[in-house]
Structures are given as C-alpha cells and as structure tokens.
C-alpha atoms as a PDB file:
ATOM      1  CA  MET A   1     182.331 261.539 104.379  1.00  0.00           C
ATOM      2  CA  THR A   2     182.923 257.783 104.702  1.00  0.00           C
ATOM      3  CA  MET A   3     180.584 255.629 102.646  1.00  0.00           C
ATOM      4  CA  ARG A   4     180.342 252.011 101.608  1.00  0.00           C
ATOM      5  CA  THR A   5     182.157 250.983  98.440  1.00  0.00           C
ATOM      6  CA  PHE A   6     180.347 249.836  95.297  1.00  0.00           C
ATOM      7  CA  PRO A   7     181.401 246.172  95.795  1.00  0.00           C
ATOM      8  CA  ASP A   8     180.214 246.368  99.419  1.00  0.00           C
ATOM      9  CA  ARG A   9     176.834 247.680  98.238  1.00  0.00           C
ATOM     10  CA  ILE A  10     176.587 244.768  95.786  1.00  0.00           C
ATOM     11  CA  ARG A  11     177.426 242.286  98.586  1.00  0.00           C
ATOM     12  CA  HIS A  12     174.810 243.952 100.806  1.00  0.00           C
ATOM     13  CA  ALA A  13     172.057 243.787  98.162  1.00  0.00           C
ATOM     14  CA  VAL A  14     172.801 240.183  97.167  1.00  0.00           C
ATOM     15  CA  LEU A  15     172.998 238.942 100.761  1.00  0.00           C
ATOM     16  CA  PHE A  16     169.826 240.846 101.674  1.00  0.00           C
ATOM     17  CA  GLU A  17     167.836 239.259  98.847  1.00  0.00           C
ATOM     18  CA  LEU A  18     169.242 235.736  99.208  1.00  0.00           C
ATOM     19  CA  ILE A  19     168.766 235.540 102.981  1.00  0.00           C
ATOM     20  CA  GLY A  20     165.347 237.174 102.748  1.00  0.00           C
ATOM     21  CA  LEU A  21     164.192 234.705 100.098  1.00  0.00           C
ATOM     22  CA  ALA A  22     165.658 231.785 102.074  1.00  0.00           C
ATOM     23  CA  ILE A  23     163.500 232.810 105.054  1.00  0.00           C
ATOM     24  CA  ILE A  24     160.302 234.001 103.387  1.00  0.00           C
ATOM     25  CA  THR A  25     159.941 231.287 100.721  1.00  0.00           C
ATOM     26  CA  PRO A  26     159.493 228.282 103.025  1.00  0.00           C
ATOM     27  CA  ALA A  27     157.561 230.384 105.550  1.00  0.00           C
ATOM     28  CA  THR A  28     154.975 231.553 103.007  1.00  0.00           C
ATOM     29  CA  ALA A  29     154.817 228.091 101.425  1.00  0.00           C
ATOM     30  CA  TRP A  30     153.914 226.647 104.831  1.00  0.00           C
ATOM     31  CA  LEU A  31     151.587 229.505 105.794  1.00  0.00           C
ATOM     32  CA  TYR A  32     149.643 229.430 102.509  1.00  0.00           C
ATOM     33  CA  ASP A  33     149.962 225.675 101.899  1.00  0.00           C
ATOM     34  CA  LYS A  34     151.745 226.121  98.570  1.00  0.00           C
ATOM     35  CA  PRO A  35     154.768 224.279  97.139  1.00  0.00           C
ATOM     36  CA  VAL A  36     158.119 225.829  98.108  1.00  0.00           C
ATOM     37  CA  LEU A  37     159.216 225.908  94.461  1.00  0.00           C
ATOM     38  CA  GLN A  38     156.073 227.807  93.485  1.00  0.00           C
ATOM     39  CA  MET A  39     156.635 230.355  96.282  1.00  0.00           C
ATOM     40  CA  GLY A  40     160.299 230.601  95.265  1.00  0.00           C
ATOM     41  CA  VAL A  41     159.268 231.522  91.720  1.00  0.00           C
ATOM     42  CA  VAL A  42     156.942 234.190  93.136  1.00  0.00           C
ATOM     43  CA  GLY A  43     159.688 235.488  95.446  1.00  0.00           C
ATOM     44  CA  VAL A  44     162.348 235.743  92.761  1.00  0.00           C
ATOM     45  CA  GLY A  45     159.873 237.252  90.295  1.00  0.00           C
ATOM     46  CA  ALA A  46     158.619 239.813  92.814  1.00  0.00           C
ATOM     47  CA  ALA A  47     162.157 240.741  93.894  1.00  0.00           C
ATOM     48  CA  THR A  48     163.195 241.195  90.269  1.00  0.00           C
ATOM     49  CA  LEU A  49     160.135 243.279  89.437  1.00  0.00           C
ATOM     50  CA  ALA A  50     160.602 245.371  92.591  1.00  0.00           C
ATOM     51  CA  THR A  51     164.231 246.065  91.675  1.00  0.00           C
ATOM     52  CA  VAL A  52     163.331 247.200  88.162  1.00  0.00           C
ATOM     53  CA  TRP A  53     160.329 249.190  89.448  1.00  0.00           C
ATOM     54  CA  THR A  54     162.550 250.933  92.015  1.00  0.00           C
ATOM     55  CA  PHE A  55     164.866 252.165  89.269  1.00  0.00           C
ATOM     56  CA  VAL A  56     162.095 253.193  86.856  1.00  0.00           C
ATOM     57  CA  PHE A  57     159.838 254.776  89.482  1.00  0.00           C
ATOM     58  CA  ASN A  58     162.610 256.756  91.185  1.00  0.00           C
ATOM     59  CA  LEU A  59     163.856 258.056  87.843  1.00  0.00           C
ATOM     60  CA  GLY A  60     160.337 259.064  86.780  1.00  0.00           C
ATOM     61  CA  PHE A  61     159.515 260.607  90.158  1.00  0.00           C
ATOM     62  CA  ASP A  62     162.681 262.725  90.108  1.00  0.00           C
ATOM     63  CA  HIS A  63     162.013 263.847  86.531  1.00  0.00           C
ATOM     64  CA  ALA A  64     158.455 264.814  87.513  1.00  0.00           C
ATOM     65  CA  LEU A  65     159.729 266.793  90.509  1.00  0.00           C
ATOM     66  CA  GLN A  66     162.294 268.535  88.348  1.00  0.00           C
ATOM     67  CA  ARG A  67     159.651 269.439  85.769  1.00  0.00           C
ATOM     68  CA  VAL A  68     156.994 270.569  88.264  1.00  0.00           C
ATOM     69  CA  LEU A  69     159.073 272.063  91.070  1.00  0.00           C
ATOM     70  CA  GLY A  70     162.374 272.817  89.342  1.00  0.00           C
ATOM     71  CA  HIS A  71     164.319 270.613  91.803  1.00  0.00           C
ATOM     72  CA  THR A  72     164.376 267.112  93.266  1.00  0.00           C
ATOM     73  CA  ARG A  73     164.531 267.939  96.984  1.00  0.00           C
ATOM     74  CA  LYS A  74     162.000 265.841  98.845  1.00  0.00           C
ATOM     75  CA  THR A  75     160.116 267.150 101.841  1.00  0.00           C
ATOM     76  CA  ILE A  76     158.496 264.769 104.317  1.00  0.00           C
ATOM     77  CA  GLY A  77     155.224 265.159 102.406  1.00  0.00           C
ATOM     78  CA  LEU A  78     156.909 264.311  99.104  1.00  0.00           C
ATOM     79  CA  ARG A  79     158.635 261.318 100.711  1.00  0.00           C
ATOM     80  CA  LEU A  80     155.266 260.063 101.934  1.00  0.00           C
ATOM     81  CA  MET A  81     153.717 260.561  98.497  1.00  0.00           C
ATOM     82  CA  HIS A  82     156.740 258.813  96.962  1.00  0.00           C
ATOM     83  CA  VAL A  83     156.427 255.701  99.133  1.00  0.00           C
ATOM     84  CA  VAL A  84     152.637 255.450  98.742  1.00  0.00           C
ATOM     85  CA  LEU A  85     152.768 255.804  94.948  1.00  0.00           C
ATOM     86  CA  PHE A  86     155.696 253.372  94.734  1.00  0.00           C
ATOM     87  CA  GLU A  87     153.953 250.701  96.810  1.00  0.00           C
ATOM     88  CA  LEU A  88     150.608 251.141  95.018  1.00  0.00           C
ATOM     89  CA  GLY A  89     152.306 250.804  91.639  1.00  0.00           C
ATOM     90  CA  LEU A  90     154.164 247.687  92.721  1.00  0.00           C
ATOM     91  CA  LEU A  91     150.986 246.223  94.207  1.00  0.00           C
ATOM     92  CA  VAL A  92     149.031 246.800  90.982  1.00  0.00           C
ATOM     93  CA  MET A  93     151.771 245.079  88.963  1.00  0.00           C
ATOM     94  CA  ILE A  94     152.307 242.131  91.315  1.00  0.00           C
ATOM     95  CA  LEU A  95     148.838 241.155  92.559  1.00  0.00           C
ATOM     96  CA  PRO A  96     147.145 239.936  89.345  1.00  0.00           C
ATOM     97  CA  PRO A  97     149.934 237.664  88.043  1.00  0.00           C
ATOM     98  CA  VAL A  98     150.695 236.258  91.505  1.00  0.00           C
ATOM     99  CA  ALA A  99     146.996 235.604  92.180  1.00  0.00           C
ATOM    100  CA  TRP A 100     146.747 233.800  88.842  1.00  0.00           C
ATOM    101  CA  TYR A 101     149.979 231.815  89.331  1.00  0.00           C
ATOM    102  CA  LEU A 102     149.088 230.727  92.877  1.00  0.00           C
ATOM    103  CA  ASP A 103     145.394 230.229  92.039  1.00  0.00           C
ATOM    104  CA  MET A 104     144.362 232.623  94.820  1.00  0.00           C
ATOM    105  CA  THR A 105     141.849 235.448  94.999  1.00  0.00           C
ATOM    106  CA  LEU A 106     143.084 239.029  94.791  1.00  0.00           C
ATOM    107  CA  PHE A 107     142.213 239.473  98.482  1.00  0.00           C
ATOM    108  CA  GLU A 108     144.181 236.362  99.498  1.00  0.00           C
ATOM    109  CA  THR A 109     147.096 237.575  97.411  1.00  0.00           C
ATOM    110  CA  PHE A 110     146.849 241.024  98.974  1.00  0.00           C
ATOM    111  CA  MET A 111     147.033 239.426 102.437  1.00  0.00           C
ATOM    112  CA  LEU A 112     150.052 237.409 101.294  1.00  0.00           C
ATOM    113  CA  ASP A 113     151.700 240.608 100.061  1.00  0.00           C
ATOM    114  CA  LEU A 114     150.884 242.384 103.312  1.00  0.00           C
ATOM    115  CA  SER A 115     152.454 239.586 105.363  1.00  0.00           C
ATOM    116  CA  ILE A 116     155.576 239.730 103.182  1.00  0.00           C
ATOM    117  CA  VAL A 117     155.803 243.517 103.529  1.00  0.00           C
ATOM    118  CA  LEU A 118     155.525 243.233 107.323  1.00  0.00           C
ATOM    119  CA  PHE A 119     158.209 240.535 107.372  1.00  0.00           C
ATOM    120  CA  TYR A 120     160.569 242.626 105.238  1.00  0.00           C
ATOM    121  CA  MET A 121     160.134 245.664 107.483  1.00  0.00           C
ATOM    122  CA  VAL A 122     161.365 243.669 110.494  1.00  0.00           C
ATOM    123  CA  TYR A 123     163.936 241.733 108.462  1.00  0.00           C
ATOM    124  CA  ASN A 124     165.337 244.926 106.903  1.00  0.00           C
ATOM    125  CA  PHE A 125     165.882 246.448 110.336  1.00  0.00           C
ATOM    126  CA  GLY A 126     167.607 243.359 111.761  1.00  0.00           C
ATOM    127  CA  PHE A 127     169.608 242.578 108.633  1.00  0.00           C
ATOM    128  CA  ASN A 128     171.073 246.063 108.419  1.00  0.00           C
ATOM    129  CA  ILE A 129     172.100 246.113 112.074  1.00  0.00           C
ATOM    130  CA  ALA A 130     173.784 242.719 111.660  1.00  0.00           C
ATOM    131  CA  TYR A 131     175.410 243.757 108.372  1.00  0.00           C
ATOM    132  CA  ASP A 132     176.836 246.934 109.901  1.00  0.00           C
ATOM    133  CA  ARG A 133     178.379 244.864 112.699  1.00  0.00           C
ATOM    134  CA  LEU A 134     179.727 242.111 110.448  1.00  0.00           C
ATOM    135  CA  PHE A 135     180.976 244.454 107.725  1.00  0.00           C
ATOM    136  CA  PRO A 136     181.784 247.816 109.343  1.00  0.00           C
ATOM    137  CA  ILE A 137     182.695 250.707 107.069  1.00  0.00           C
ATOM    138  CA  PRO A 138     186.489 251.094 107.151  1.00  0.00           C
ATOM    139  CA  GLY A 139     187.495 254.366 108.788  1.00  0.00           C
ATOM    140  CA  LEU A 140     184.063 255.058 110.247  1.00  0.00           C
ATOM    141  CA  VAL A 141     184.376 256.288 113.816  1.00  0.00           C
ATOM    142  CA  LYS A 142     181.827 254.671 116.107  1.00  0.00           C
ATOM    143  CA  PRO A 143     179.827 257.186 118.148  1.00  0.00           C
ATOM    144  CA  GLN A 144     180.771 257.313 121.833  1.00  0.00           C
ATOM    145  CA  LEU A 145     178.031 256.344 124.233  1.00  0.00           C
ATOM    146  CA  ALA A 146     177.334 258.932 126.911  1.00  0.00           C
ATOM    147  CA  GLY A 147     177.853 257.518 130.352  1.00  0.00           C
END
C-alpha cells in the first residue's frame, strides 16, 4: 500500500492551517466587523485547541471503545457518535472564551463558529484535491477513467 510520508503529512497539515487561516481571518474580521489581529488570535487559538482536542479525544474515545466493546473498530453509528461528541466538546471549550474575547454573545459566537465550520468543509474538500494534484504520492497509480 502506497501512503504519504511523515514529512509530506507535516507539509500537508502546515499548509492546510496556514492557507485556511489566511483566508478565514480577514473574511471573518470583515463579516463580523472585528480587527484582523483579534480574529487571527482567535483562529490560531482555535486551531491549536482543535489539534490538541483531536489527539486527546481520539485517544479517549478509542480507550473507551476498547474497554466497553473489547475493540476499536468503528461502525457508521460509532463514527457518527464520534463526530458529534468531538464537535460538541470542541464547541463547549471554544464558545465561552471566544465570546468573551470578541465581546459577543454566545449565540453570535455560535453563528461565527458555524460559518467557520461551513467554510472549512468546503475548503477541506478543495484543498485536498489541489494538494493531491500538486503533490502526488510517488508510485501511486492513477485510476483509469472508463471511456
């Protein structure tokens, strides 16, 4: 099986975060009439917290599965539960400090978070297609198109 190398994964993660922050920071600053620097602080803080939360949550979730089920295989139902619990946990951790820092209500901050999540869904899709084309995996055979 051909997979990306560790350095390639690092390049991917760093480029993803830097480009994403370069797009979303000025956009949210304009949309919410906040200083770009202030939104940059929120963006970097949220990205850092999300990275740490991803590691901690995934480790804890797998340990819980192992303890309860005796394995870590995830069905579609478990994947859905995983993503909902992950996002709820991140939301609970991010909303209060961001609302305080930006002097916004929790509802306004929730709407900000929702707009960022929607952006990142589209951005993630486009970024990964572009990345795969710019940095193809060496030795990976491209699938033939039927025709």
